[in-house]
């Protein structure tokens, strides 16, 4: 799935711009969003994901990542700190 690969790369690149810790929860797995490999094994269509963001630029990171997920048609819920 080319579109999924594109989503993975774009999500990881976006996350890498921030110093905050950004963790994606998919069912009972927690993935560092800055890890392309972790995303590849986790990001499959149809799941609902939860995003946990903690750090100095958390608000900006949440906004940027929410946008990227939406752009690729992935459902994500940002968990408030």
C-alpha atoms as a PDB file:
ATOM      1  CA  UNK A   1       0.000   0.000   0.000  1.00  0.00           C
ATOM      2  CA  UNK A   2       1.830   3.044  -1.268  1.00  0.00           C
ATOM      3  CA  UNK A   3      -0.489   5.501   0.442  1.00  0.00           C
ATOM      4  CA  UNK A   4       0.139   3.832   3.791  1.00  0.00           C
ATOM      5  CA  UNK A   5       3.919   4.060   3.283  1.00  0.00           C
ATOM      6  CA  UNK A   6       3.511   7.734   2.500  1.00  0.00           C
ATOM      7  CA  UNK A   7       1.456   8.224   5.663  1.00  0.00           C
ATOM      8  CA  UNK A   8       4.096   6.449   7.786  1.00  0.00           C
ATOM      9  CA  UNK A   9       6.942   8.554   6.412  1.00  0.00           C
ATOM     10  CA  UNK A  10       5.030  11.808   6.727  1.00  0.00           C
ATOM     11  CA  UNK A  11       3.901  11.057  10.295  1.00  0.00           C
ATOM     12  CA  UNK A  12       7.442  10.157  11.382  1.00  0.00           C
ATOM     13  CA  UNK A  13       8.937  13.223   9.679  1.00  0.00           C
ATOM     14  CA  UNK A  14       6.346  15.490  11.259  1.00  0.00           C
ATOM     15  CA  UNK A  15       6.915  13.979  14.702  1.00  0.00           C
ATOM     16  CA  UNK A  16      10.689  14.372  14.332  1.00  0.00           C
ATOM     17  CA  UNK A  17      10.288  18.160  14.162  1.00  0.00           C
ATOM     18  CA  UNK A  18       9.177  18.252  17.788  1.00  0.00           C
ATOM     19  CA  UNK A  19      11.074  17.638  21.025  1.00  0.00           C
ATOM     20  CA  UNK A  20       7.965  16.320  22.787  1.00  0.00           C
ATOM     21  CA  UNK A  21       7.505  12.626  23.458  1.00  0.00           C
ATOM     22  CA  UNK A  22       4.886  11.404  20.982  1.00  0.00           C
ATOM     23  CA  UNK A  23       3.436   7.951  21.492  1.00  0.00           C
ATOM     24  CA  UNK A  24       0.745   6.267  19.432  1.00  0.00           C
ATOM     25  CA  UNK A  25      -1.492   3.730  21.122  1.00  0.00           C
ATOM     26  CA  UNK A  26      -3.064   1.134  18.855  1.00  0.00           C
ATOM     27  CA  UNK A  27      -5.069  -1.401  20.812  1.00  0.00           C
ATOM     28  CA  UNK A  28      -2.589  -2.588  23.471  1.00  0.00           C
ATOM     29  CA  UNK A  29       0.579  -1.461  21.690  1.00  0.00           C
ATOM     30  CA  UNK A  30       2.473   1.751  22.305  1.00  0.00           C
ATOM     31  CA  UNK A  31       4.649   3.016  19.450  1.00  0.00           C
ATOM     32  CA  UNK A  32       7.128   5.881  19.365  1.00  0.00           C
ATOM     33  CA  UNK A  33       5.755   7.940  16.468  1.00  0.00           C
ATOM     34  CA  UNK A  34       9.305   8.992  15.539  1.00  0.00           C
ATOM     35  CA  UNK A  35      10.086   5.333  14.740  1.00  0.00           C
ATOM     36  CA  UNK A  36       9.310   4.575  11.100  1.00  0.00           C
ATOM     37  CA  UNK A  37       9.700   0.842  11.717  1.00  0.00           C
ATOM     38  CA  UNK A  38       7.281   0.931  14.651  1.00  0.00           C
ATOM     39  CA  UNK A  39       4.735   2.799  12.558  1.00  0.00           C
ATOM     40  CA  UNK A  40       5.056   0.383   9.623  1.00  0.00           C
ATOM     41  CA  UNK A  41       4.116  -2.561  11.826  1.00  0.00           C
ATOM     42  CA  UNK A  42       1.263  -0.714  13.524  1.00  0.00           C
ATOM     43  CA  UNK A  43      -0.347   1.649  11.052  1.00  0.00           C
ATOM     44  CA  UNK A  44      -2.940  -0.468   9.298  1.00  0.00           C
ATOM     45  CA  UNK A  45      -6.269   0.846   8.122  1.00  0.00           C
ATOM     46  CA  UNK A  46      -9.423   0.577  10.126  1.00  0.00           C
ATOM     47  CA  UNK A  47      -7.897   1.064  13.544  1.00  0.00           C
ATOM     48  CA  UNK A  48      -8.623   3.972  15.794  1.00  0.00           C
ATOM     49  CA  UNK A  49      -5.450   5.371  17.280  1.00  0.00           C
ATOM     50  CA  UNK A  50      -4.754   7.378  20.403  1.00  0.00           C
ATOM     51  CA  UNK A  51      -1.983   9.941  20.461  1.00  0.00           C
ATOM     52  CA  UNK A  52      -0.203  10.755  23.712  1.00  0.00           C
ATOM     53  CA  UNK A  53       1.986  13.866  23.485  1.00  0.00           C
ATOM     54  CA  UNK A  54       4.046  15.245  26.365  1.00  0.00           C
ATOM     55  CA  UNK A  55       6.648  17.979  26.245  1.00  0.00           C
ATOM     56  CA  UNK A  56       7.436  21.646  25.693  1.00  0.00           C
ATOM     57  CA  UNK A  57       5.943  21.828  22.193  1.00  0.00           C
ATOM     58  CA  UNK A  58       3.099  19.372  22.766  1.00  0.00           C
ATOM     59  CA  UNK A  59       0.325  21.677  21.531  1.00  0.00           C
ATOM     60  CA  UNK A  60       2.050  22.352  18.210  1.00  0.00           C
ATOM     61  CA  UNK A  61       2.899  18.664  17.829  1.00  0.00           C
ATOM     62  CA  UNK A  62      -0.721  17.631  18.456  1.00  0.00           C
ATOM     63  CA  UNK A  63      -2.017  20.090  15.864  1.00  0.00           C
ATOM     64  CA  UNK A  64       0.531  19.097  13.210  1.00  0.00           C
ATOM     65  CA  UNK A  65       0.060  15.352  13.691  1.00  0.00           C
ATOM     66  CA  UNK A  66      -3.737  15.543  13.811  1.00  0.00           C
ATOM     67  CA  UNK A  67      -3.539  17.251  10.414  1.00  0.00           C
ATOM     68  CA  UNK A  68      -1.254  14.566   8.915  1.00  0.00           C
ATOM     69  CA  UNK A  69      -3.428  11.709  10.239  1.00  0.00           C
ATOM     70  CA  UNK A  70      -6.566  13.365   8.824  1.00  0.00           C
ATOM     71  CA  UNK A  71      -4.882  13.981   5.471  1.00  0.00           C
ATOM     72  CA  UNK A  72      -4.229  10.246   5.140  1.00  0.00           C
ATOM     73  CA  UNK A  73      -7.697   9.263   6.356  1.00  0.00           C
ATOM     74  CA  UNK A  74      -6.481   7.789   9.652  1.00  0.00           C
ATOM     75  CA  UNK A  75      -8.644   8.154  12.744  1.00  0.00           C
ATOM     76  CA  UNK A  76      -6.727   9.469  15.736  1.00  0.00           C
ATOM     77  CA  UNK A  77      -7.827  10.744  19.121  1.00  0.00           C
ATOM     78  CA  UNK A  78      -5.477  13.086  20.934  1.00  0.00           C
ATOM     79  CA  UNK A  79      -5.463  12.245  24.632  1.00  0.00           C
ATOM     80  CA  UNK A  80      -5.354  15.365  26.829  1.00  0.00           C
ATOM     81  CA  UNK A  81      -2.444  15.401  29.286  1.00  0.00           C
END
